[in-house]
Amino acid sequence: MLEVVVAVFGSSRAAVAAIDDLEIARIPSVTVRQFSARADLEDGIMELRHPSLTPGERIVAVTVEDRHAQSVIEILDMQTPSRLTEAPLRVS
């Protein structure tokens, strides 16, 4: 089963550091997506609009096998996200 781990960071620097940490850890089955809460985006980063987000925040969403989810959470948490959550990914 797959899990989605989502972390919200106050800056792109923290988000990139968290992604770099995930790459260094080489956790199998990880897929990482990065989103921004503002419209002026770099290449490959999509905008995500939600009332709880403030401009400049970066969202890192990681899809991973459930057996590796705790490792992903611990790695992302090292960069002190303002929010961190996980949920099962339901695919029909």
PDB file of N, CA and C in Angstrom:
ATOM      1  N   MET A   1       0.834  -1.166   0.000  1.00  0.00           N
ATOM      2  CA  MET A   1       0.000   0.000   0.000  1.00  0.00           C
ATOM      3  C   MET A   1       0.890   1.245   0.000  1.00  0.00           C
ATOM      4  N   LEU A   2       0.404   2.300  -0.634  1.00  0.00           N
ATOM      5  CA  LEU A   2       1.154   3.549  -0.706  1.00  0.00           C
ATOM      6  C   LEU A   2       0.633   4.571   0.297  1.00  0.00           C
ATOM      7  N   GLU A   3       1.550   5.408   0.765  1.00  0.00           N
ATOM      8  CA  GLU A   3       1.222   6.521   1.659  1.00  0.00           C
ATOM      9  C   GLU A   3       1.641   7.812   0.965  1.00  0.00           C
ATOM     10  N   VAL A   4       0.969   8.889   1.311  1.00  0.00           N
ATOM     11  CA  VAL A   4       1.380  10.222   0.883  1.00  0.00           C
ATOM     12  C   VAL A   4       1.764  10.987   2.138  1.00  0.00           C
ATOM     13  N   VAL A   5       2.971  11.521   2.132  1.00  0.00           N
ATOM     14  CA  VAL A   5       3.457  12.353   3.231  1.00  0.00           C
ATOM     15  C   VAL A   5       3.566  13.768   2.684  1.00  0.00           C
ATOM     16  N   VAL A   6       2.943  14.721   3.361  1.00  0.00           N
ATOM     17  CA  VAL A   6       2.938  16.111   2.901  1.00  0.00           C
ATOM     18  C   VAL A   6       3.541  16.990   3.990  1.00  0.00           C
ATOM     19  N   ALA A   7       4.507  17.819   3.577  1.00  0.00           N
ATOM     20  CA  ALA A   7       5.148  18.762   4.491  1.00  0.00           C
ATOM     21  C   ALA A   7       5.052  20.159   3.899  1.00  0.00           C
ATOM     22  N   VAL A   8       4.772  21.139   4.746  1.00  0.00           N
ATOM     23  CA  VAL A   8       4.711  22.539   4.331  1.00  0.00           C
ATOM     24  C   VAL A   8       5.887  23.258   4.976  1.00  0.00           C
ATOM     25  N   PHE A   9       6.701  23.901   4.138  1.00  0.00           N
ATOM     26  CA  PHE A   9       7.886  24.610   4.598  1.00  0.00           C
ATOM     27  C   PHE A   9       7.719  26.104   4.365  1.00  0.00           C
ATOM     28  N   GLY A  10       8.336  26.903   5.202  1.00  0.00           N
ATOM     29  CA  GLY A  10       8.228  28.347   5.103  1.00  0.00           C
ATOM     30  C   GLY A  10       9.074  28.963   4.015  1.00  0.00           C
ATOM     31  N   SER A  11       9.982  28.183   3.430  1.00  0.00           N
ATOM     32  CA  SER A  11      10.854  28.721   2.384  1.00  0.00           C
ATOM     33  C   SER A  11      11.220  27.640   1.383  1.00  0.00           C
ATOM     34  N   SER A  12      11.631  28.083   0.206  1.00  0.00           N
ATOM     35  CA  SER A  12      12.083  27.126  -0.809  1.00  0.00           C
ATOM     36  C   SER A  12      13.389  26.472  -0.352  1.00  0.00           C
ATOM     37  N   ARG A  13      14.216  27.192   0.392  1.00  0.00           N
ATOM     38  CA  ARG A  13      15.484  26.640   0.867  1.00  0.00           C
ATOM     39  C   ARG A  13      15.254  25.409   1.744  1.00  0.00           C
ATOM     40  N   ALA A  14      14.314  25.496   2.670  1.00  0.00           N
ATOM     41  CA  ALA A  14      14.013  24.359   3.556  1.00  0.00           C
ATOM     42  C   ALA A  14      13.432  23.195   2.762  1.00  0.00           C
ATOM     43  N   ALA A  15      12.562  23.495   1.798  1.00  0.00           N
ATOM     44  CA  ALA A  15      11.968  22.437   0.978  1.00  0.00           C
ATOM     45  C   ALA A  15      13.034  21.722   0.156  1.00  0.00           C
ATOM     46  N   VAL A  16      13.930  22.483  -0.453  1.00  0.00           N
ATOM     47  CA  VAL A  16      15.003  21.880  -1.255  1.00  0.00           C
ATOM     48  C   VAL A  16      15.932  21.058  -0.369  1.00  0.00           C
ATOM     49  N   ALA A  17      16.238  21.545   0.823  1.00  0.00           N
ATOM     50  CA  ALA A  17      17.084  20.784   1.750  1.00  0.00           C
ATOM     51  C   ALA A  17      16.419  19.461   2.127  1.00  0.00           C
ATOM     52  N   ALA A  18      15.114  19.482   2.360  1.00  0.00           N
ATOM     53  CA  ALA A  18      14.386  18.250   2.695  1.00  0.00           C
ATOM     54  C   ALA A  18      14.419  17.265   1.527  1.00  0.00           C
ATOM     55  N   ILE A  19      14.227  17.777   0.317  1.00  0.00           N
ATOM     56  CA  ILE A  19      14.280  16.913  -0.867  1.00  0.00           C
ATOM     57  C   ILE A  19      15.682  16.345  -1.045  1.00  0.00           C
ATOM     58  N   ASP A  20      16.694  17.162  -0.840  1.00  0.00           N
ATOM     59  CA  ASP A  20      18.077  16.674  -0.919  1.00  0.00           C
ATOM     60  C   ASP A  20      18.328  15.577   0.112  1.00  0.00           C
ATOM     61  N   ASP A  21      17.816  15.761   1.327  1.00  0.00           N
ATOM     62  CA  ASP A  21      17.968  14.745   2.369  1.00  0.00           C
ATOM     63  C   ASP A  21      17.310  13.430   1.964  1.00  0.00           C
ATOM     64  N   LEU A  22      16.142  13.519   1.322  1.00  0.00           N
ATOM     65  CA  LEU A  22      15.467  12.303   0.843  1.00  0.00           C
ATOM     66  C   LEU A  22      16.300  11.599  -0.224  1.00  0.00           C
ATOM     67  N   GLU A  23      16.896  12.374  -1.123  1.00  0.00           N
ATOM     68  CA  GLU A  23      17.724  11.776  -2.174  1.00  0.00           C
ATOM     69  C   GLU A  23      18.949  11.086  -1.586  1.00  0.00           C
ATOM     70  N   ILE A  24      19.555  11.714  -0.591  1.00  0.00           N
ATOM     71  CA  ILE A  24      20.733  11.130   0.059  1.00  0.00           C
ATOM     72  C   ILE A  24      20.363   9.823   0.760  1.00  0.00           C
ATOM     73  N   ALA A  25      19.181   9.772   1.367  1.00  0.00           N
ATOM     74  CA  ALA A  25      18.740   8.575   2.099  1.00  0.00           C
ATOM     75  C   ALA A  25      18.452   7.392   1.180  1.00  0.00           C
ATOM     76  N   ARG A  26      18.170   7.671  -0.075  1.00  0.00           N
ATOM     77  CA  ARG A  26      17.898   6.608  -1.070  1.00  0.00           C
ATOM     78  C   ARG A  26      16.827   5.627  -0.614  1.00  0.00           C
ATOM     79  N   ILE A  27      15.744   6.161  -0.120  1.00  0.00           N
ATOM     80  CA  ILE A  27      14.632   5.313   0.284  1.00  0.00           C
ATOM     81  C   ILE A  27      13.954   4.790  -0.971  1.00  0.00           C
ATOM     82  N   PRO A  28      13.744   3.476  -1.046  1.00  0.00           N
ATOM     83  CA  PRO A  28      13.104   2.925  -2.243  1.00  0.00           C
ATOM     84  C   PRO A  28      11.651   3.381  -2.366  1.00  0.00           C
ATOM     85  N   SER A  29      11.182   3.415  -3.555  1.00  0.00           N
ATOM     86  CA  SER A  29       9.778   3.676  -3.907  1.00  0.00           C
ATOM     87  C   SER A  29       9.321   5.106  -3.671  1.00  0.00           C
ATOM     88  N   VAL A  30      10.236   6.055  -3.512  1.00  0.00           N
ATOM     89  CA  VAL A  30       9.864   7.440  -3.226  1.00  0.00           C
ATOM     90  C   VAL A  30       9.625   8.215  -4.520  1.00  0.00           C
ATOM     91  N   THR A  31       8.503   8.935  -4.562  1.00  0.00           N
ATOM     92  CA  THR A  31       8.225   9.892  -5.625  1.00  0.00           C
ATOM     93  C   THR A  31       7.967  11.231  -4.943  1.00  0.00           C
ATOM     94  N   VAL A  32       8.711  12.269  -5.357  1.00  0.00           N
ATOM     95  CA  VAL A  32       8.624  13.577  -4.707  1.00  0.00           C
ATOM     96  C   VAL A  32       8.064  14.600  -5.679  1.00  0.00           C
ATOM     97  N   ARG A  33       7.130  15.401  -5.198  1.00  0.00           N
ATOM     98  CA  ARG A  33       6.564  16.525  -5.958  1.00  0.00           C
ATOM     99  C   ARG A  33       6.674  17.764  -5.081  1.00  0.00           C
ATOM    100  N   GLN A  34       6.949  18.893  -5.718  1.00  0.00           N
ATOM    101  CA  GLN A  34       7.055  20.150  -4.984  1.00  0.00           C
ATOM    102  C   GLN A  34       6.048  21.147  -5.548  1.00  0.00           C
ATOM    103  N   PHE A  35       5.388  21.865  -4.664  1.00  0.00           N
ATOM    104  CA  PHE A  35       4.390  22.862  -5.040  1.00  0.00           C
ATOM    105  C   PHE A  35       4.716  24.169  -4.331  1.00  0.00           C
ATOM    106  N   SER A  36       4.192  25.262  -4.861  1.00  0.00           N
ATOM    107  CA  SER A  36       4.399  26.565  -4.251  1.00  0.00           C
ATOM    108  C   SER A  36       3.063  27.250  -4.026  1.00  0.00           C
ATOM    109  N   ALA A  37       3.008  28.101  -2.999  1.00  0.00           N
ATOM    110  CA  ALA A  37       1.779  28.828  -2.692  1.00  0.00           C
ATOM    111  C   ALA A  37       1.777  30.206  -3.348  1.00  0.00           C
ATOM    112  N   ARG A  38       2.547  30.377  -4.412  1.00  0.00           N
ATOM    113  CA  ARG A  38       2.552  31.653  -5.128  1.00  0.00           C
ATOM    114  C   ARG A  38       2.622  31.401  -6.628  1.00  0.00           C
ATOM    115  N   ALA A  39       2.322  32.415  -7.414  1.00  0.00           N
ATOM    116  CA  ALA A  39       2.210  32.251  -8.861  1.00  0.00           C
ATOM    117  C   ALA A  39       3.549  32.356  -9.594  1.00  0.00           C
ATOM    118  N   ASP A  40       4.516  33.094  -9.095  1.00  0.00           N
ATOM    119  CA  ASP A  40       5.791  33.241  -9.812  1.00  0.00           C
ATOM    120  C   ASP A  40       6.704  32.059  -9.493  1.00  0.00           C
ATOM    121  N   LEU A  41       6.587  31.027 -10.297  1.00  0.00           N
ATOM    122  CA  LEU A  41       7.216  29.746 -10.005  1.00  0.00           C
ATOM    123  C   LEU A  41       8.430  29.482 -10.871  1.00  0.00           C
ATOM    124  N   GLU A  42       9.329  28.671 -10.324  1.00  0.00           N
ATOM    125  CA  GLU A  42      10.434  28.166 -11.113  1.00  0.00           C
ATOM    126  C   GLU A  42       9.927  27.019 -11.988  1.00  0.00           C
ATOM    127  N   ASP A  43      10.742  26.637 -12.964  1.00  0.00           N
ATOM    128  CA  ASP A  43      10.370  25.528 -13.840  1.00  0.00           C
ATOM    129  C   ASP A  43      10.140  24.257 -13.034  1.00  0.00           C
ATOM    130  N   GLY A  44       9.072  23.556 -13.369  1.00  0.00           N
ATOM    131  CA  GLY A  44       8.786  22.273 -12.768  1.00  0.00           C
ATOM    132  C   GLY A  44       8.091  22.320 -11.423  1.00  0.00           C
ATOM    133  N   ILE A  45       7.809  23.504 -10.904  1.00  0.00           N
ATOM    134  CA  ILE A  45       7.118  23.622  -9.631  1.00  0.00           C
ATOM    135  C   ILE A  45       5.726  24.169  -9.899  1.00  0.00           C
ATOM    136  N   MET A  46       4.722  23.430  -9.471  1.00  0.00           N
ATOM    137  CA  MET A  46       3.340  23.825  -9.721  1.00  0.00           C
ATOM    138  C   MET A  46       2.812  24.691  -8.583  1.00  0.00           C
ATOM    139  N   GLU A  47       1.840  25.531  -8.910  1.00  0.00           N
ATOM    140  CA  GLU A  47       1.197  26.355  -7.896  1.00  0.00           C
ATOM    141  C   GLU A  47       0.072  25.568  -7.239  1.00  0.00           C
ATOM    142  N   LEU A  48      -0.044  25.710  -5.943  1.00  0.00           N
ATOM    143  CA  LEU A  48      -1.109  25.078  -5.185  1.00  0.00           C
ATOM    144  C   LEU A  48      -1.823  26.165  -4.402  1.00  0.00           C
ATOM    145  N   ARG A  49      -3.121  26.272  -4.607  1.00  0.00           N
ATOM    146  CA  ARG A  49      -3.899  27.295  -3.907  1.00  0.00           C
ATOM    147  C   ARG A  49      -4.766  26.646  -2.842  1.00  0.00           C
ATOM    148  N   HIS A  50      -4.644  27.186  -1.644  1.00  0.00           N
ATOM    149  CA  HIS A  50      -5.451  26.714  -0.533  1.00  0.00           C
ATOM    150  C   HIS A  50      -5.492  27.833   0.493  1.00  0.00           C
ATOM    151  N   PRO A  51      -6.639  28.076   1.128  1.00  0.00           N
ATOM    152  CA  PRO A  51      -6.735  29.178   2.083  1.00  0.00           C
ATOM    153  C   PRO A  51      -5.757  29.087   3.261  1.00  0.00           C
ATOM    154  N   SER A  52      -5.297  27.897   3.587  1.00  0.00           N
ATOM    155  CA  SER A  52      -4.389  27.754   4.733  1.00  0.00           C
ATOM    156  C   SER A  52      -2.938  28.059   4.384  1.00  0.00           C
ATOM    157  N   LEU A  53      -2.641  28.242   3.098  1.00  0.00           N
ATOM    158  CA  LEU A  53      -1.269  28.502   2.672  1.00  0.00           C
ATOM    159  C   LEU A  53      -1.014  29.997   2.540  1.00  0.00           C
ATOM    160  N   THR A  54       0.209  30.392   2.842  1.00  0.00           N
ATOM    161  CA  THR A  54       0.590  31.794   2.669  1.00  0.00           C
ATOM    162  C   THR A  54       1.627  31.890   1.561  1.00  0.00           C
ATOM    163  N   PRO A  55       1.685  33.030   0.865  1.00  0.00           N
ATOM    164  CA  PRO A  55       2.660  33.177  -0.227  1.00  0.00           C
ATOM    165  C   PRO A  55       4.082  32.888   0.256  1.00  0.00           C
ATOM    166  N   GLY A  56       4.794  32.165  -0.568  1.00  0.00           N
ATOM    167  CA  GLY A  56       6.172  31.815  -0.245  1.00  0.00           C
ATOM    168  C   GLY A  56       6.341  30.440   0.370  1.00  0.00           C
ATOM    169  N   GLU A  57       5.263  29.866   0.877  1.00  0.00           N
ATOM    170  CA  GLU A  57       5.389  28.519   1.449  1.00  0.00           C
ATOM    171  C   GLU A  57       5.595  27.505   0.327  1.00  0.00           C
ATOM    172  N   ARG A  58       6.352  26.461   0.650  1.00  0.00           N
ATOM    173  CA  ARG A  58       6.580  25.366  -0.280  1.00  0.00           C
ATOM    174  C   ARG A  58       6.022  24.089   0.298  1.00  0.00           C
ATOM    175  N   ILE A  59       5.390  23.328  -0.565  1.00  0.00           N
ATOM    176  CA  ILE A  59       4.784  22.067  -0.165  1.00  0.00           C
ATOM    177  C   ILE A  59       5.559  20.939  -0.831  1.00  0.00           C
ATOM    178  N   VAL A  60       5.961  19.974  -0.045  1.00  0.00           N
ATOM    179  CA  VAL A  60       6.637  18.790  -0.564  1.00  0.00           C
ATOM    180  C   VAL A  60       5.719  17.601  -0.304  1.00  0.00           C
ATOM    181  N   ALA A  61       5.324  16.923  -1.378  1.00  0.00           N
ATOM    182  CA  ALA A  61       4.465  15.747  -1.275  1.00  0.00           C
ATOM    183  C   ALA A  61       5.273  14.527  -1.706  1.00  0.00           C
ATOM    184  N   VAL A  62       5.309  13.530  -0.847  1.00  0.00           N
ATOM    185  CA  VAL A  62       6.101  12.333  -1.108  1.00  0.00           C
ATOM    186  C   VAL A  62       5.170  11.122  -1.112  1.00  0.00           C
ATOM    187  N   THR A  63       5.198  10.377  -2.196  1.00  0.00           N
ATOM    188  CA  THR A  63       4.475   9.119  -2.279  1.00  0.00           C
ATOM    189  C   THR A  63       5.490   8.005  -2.032  1.00  0.00           C
ATOM    190  N   VAL A  64       5.155   7.103  -1.114  1.00  0.00           N
ATOM    191  CA  VAL A  64       6.109   6.075  -0.714  1.00  0.00           C
ATOM    192  C   VAL A  64       5.346   4.838  -0.232  1.00  0.00           C
ATOM    193  N   GLU A  65       5.981   3.682  -0.320  1.00  0.00           N
ATOM    194  CA  GLU A  65       5.385   2.474   0.250  1.00  0.00           C
ATOM    195  C   GLU A  65       5.219   2.682   1.752  1.00  0.00           C
ATOM    196  N   ASP A  66       4.120   2.174   2.289  1.00  0.00           N
ATOM    197  CA  ASP A  66       3.810   2.422   3.697  1.00  0.00           C
ATOM    198  C   ASP A  66       4.916   1.976   4.650  1.00  0.00           C
ATOM    199  N   ARG A  67       5.666   0.959   4.309  1.00  0.00           N
ATOM    200  CA  ARG A  67       6.739   0.484   5.205  1.00  0.00           C
ATOM    201  C   ARG A  67       7.896   1.477   5.320  1.00  0.00           C
ATOM    202  N   HIS A  68       7.979   2.445   4.372  1.00  0.00           N
ATOM    203  CA  HIS A  68       9.039   3.452   4.410  1.00  0.00           C
ATOM    204  C   HIS A  68       8.518   4.830   4.829  1.00  0.00           C
ATOM    205  N   ALA A  69       7.230   4.944   5.107  1.00  0.00           N
ATOM    206  CA  ALA A  69       6.623   6.251   5.404  1.00  0.00           C
ATOM    207  C   ALA A  69       7.237   6.899   6.646  1.00  0.00           C
ATOM    208  N   GLN A  70       7.483   6.134   7.693  1.00  0.00           N
ATOM    209  CA  GLN A  70       8.043   6.719   8.916  1.00  0.00           C
ATOM    210  C   GLN A  70       9.430   7.295   8.668  1.00  0.00           C
ATOM    211  N   SER A  71      10.229   6.639   7.849  1.00  0.00           N
ATOM    212  CA  SER A  71      11.559   7.165   7.509  1.00  0.00           C
ATOM    213  C   SER A  71      11.447   8.494   6.775  1.00  0.00           C
ATOM    214  N   VAL A  72      10.491   8.583   5.844  1.00  0.00           N
ATOM    215  CA  VAL A  72      10.270   9.824   5.116  1.00  0.00           C
ATOM    216  C   VAL A  72       9.843  10.939   6.074  1.00  0.00           C
ATOM    217  N   ILE A  73       8.939  10.628   6.979  1.00  0.00           N
ATOM    218  CA  ILE A  73       8.469  11.613   7.959  1.00  0.00           C
ATOM    219  C   ILE A  73       9.645  12.134   8.792  1.00  0.00           C
ATOM    220  N   GLU A  74      10.489  11.244   9.259  1.00  0.00           N
ATOM    221  CA  GLU A  74      11.632  11.649  10.083  1.00  0.00           C
ATOM    222  C   GLU A  74      12.600  12.537   9.301  1.00  0.00           C
ATOM    223  N   ILE A  75      12.823  12.212   8.039  1.00  0.00           N
ATOM    224  CA  ILE A  75      13.729  13.012   7.205  1.00  0.00           C
ATOM    225  C   ILE A  75      13.141  14.396   6.951  1.00  0.00           C
ATOM    226  N   LEU A  76      11.873  14.461   6.573  1.00  0.00           N
ATOM    227  CA  LEU A  76      11.243  15.756   6.327  1.00  0.00           C
ATOM    228  C   LEU A  76      11.201  16.599   7.600  1.00  0.00           C
ATOM    229  N   ASP A  77      10.973  15.959   8.724  1.00  0.00           N
ATOM    230  CA  ASP A  77      10.857  16.669   9.997  1.00  0.00           C
ATOM    231  C   ASP A  77      12.167  17.338  10.414  1.00  0.00           C
ATOM    232  N   MET A  78      13.294  16.860   9.905  1.00  0.00           N
ATOM    233  CA  MET A  78      14.589  17.459  10.240  1.00  0.00           C
ATOM    234  C   MET A  78      14.676  18.912   9.764  1.00  0.00           C
ATOM    235  N   GLN A  79      13.898  19.276   8.735  1.00  0.00           N
ATOM    236  CA  GLN A  79      13.923  20.639   8.206  1.00  0.00           C
ATOM    237  C   GLN A  79      12.829  21.513   8.822  1.00  0.00           C
ATOM    238  N   THR A  80      12.191  21.032   9.862  1.00  0.00           N
ATOM    239  CA  THR A  80      11.202  21.771  10.652  1.00  0.00           C
ATOM    240  C   THR A  80      10.068  22.359   9.814  1.00  0.00           C
ATOM    241  N   PRO A  81       9.260  21.504   9.201  1.00  0.00           N
ATOM    242  CA  PRO A  81       8.097  22.031   8.462  1.00  0.00           C
ATOM    243  C   PRO A  81       7.057  22.610   9.420  1.00  0.00           C
ATOM    244  N   SER A  82       6.272  23.556   8.921  1.00  0.00           N
ATOM    245  CA  SER A  82       5.202  24.119   9.752  1.00  0.00           C
ATOM    246  C   SER A  82       4.049  23.138   9.905  1.00  0.00           C
ATOM    247  N   ARG A  83       3.875  22.267   8.923  1.00  0.00           N
ATOM    248  CA  ARG A  83       2.866  21.207   8.984  1.00  0.00           C
ATOM    249  C   ARG A  83       3.432  19.946   8.348  1.00  0.00           C
ATOM    250  N   LEU A  84       3.063  18.810   8.899  1.00  0.00           N
ATOM    251  CA  LEU A  84       3.522  17.522   8.400  1.00  0.00           C
ATOM    252  C   LEU A  84       2.429  16.510   8.654  1.00  0.00           C
ATOM    253  N   THR A  85       2.008  15.816   7.600  1.00  0.00           N
ATOM    254  CA  THR A  85       0.928  14.848   7.749  1.00  0.00           C
ATOM    255  C   THR A  85       1.147  13.691   6.779  1.00  0.00           C
ATOM    256  N   GLU A  86       0.443  12.614   7.034  1.00  0.00           N
ATOM    257  CA  GLU A  86       0.492  11.448   6.154  1.00  0.00           C
ATOM    258  C   GLU A  86      -0.888  10.844   6.035  1.00  0.00           C
ATOM    259  N   ALA A  87      -1.109  10.148   4.927  1.00  0.00           N
ATOM    260  CA  ALA A  87      -2.388   9.476   4.701  1.00  0.00           C
ATOM    261  C   ALA A  87      -2.197   8.377   3.677  1.00  0.00           C
ATOM    262  N   PRO A  88      -3.007   7.328   3.743  1.00  0.00           N
ATOM    263  CA  PRO A  88      -2.945   6.288   2.719  1.00  0.00           C
ATOM    264  C   PRO A  88      -3.361   6.854   1.367  1.00  0.00           C
ATOM    265  N   LEU A  89      -2.711   6.392   0.321  1.00  0.00           N
ATOM    266  CA  LEU A  89      -3.081   6.798  -1.026  1.00  0.00           C
ATOM    267  C   LEU A  89      -4.058   5.765  -1.572  1.00  0.00           C
ATOM    268  N   ARG A  90      -5.245   6.214  -1.843  1.00  0.00           N
ATOM    269  CA  ARG A  90      -6.271   5.309  -2.372  1.00  0.00           C
ATOM    270  C   ARG A  90      -6.315   5.441  -3.881  1.00  0.00           C
ATOM    271  N   VAL A  91      -5.966   4.348  -4.560  1.00  0.00           N
ATOM    272  CA  VAL A  91      -5.966   4.336  -6.016  1.00  0.00           C
ATOM    273  C   VAL A  91      -7.037   3.360  -6.464  1.00  0.00           C
ATOM    274  N   SER A  92      -7.918   3.830  -7.370  1.00  0.00           N
ATOM    275  CA  SER A  92      -8.979   2.937  -7.835  1.00  0.00           C
ATOM    276  C   SER A  92      -8.585   2.251  -9.099  1.00  0.00           C
TER     277      SER A  92
END
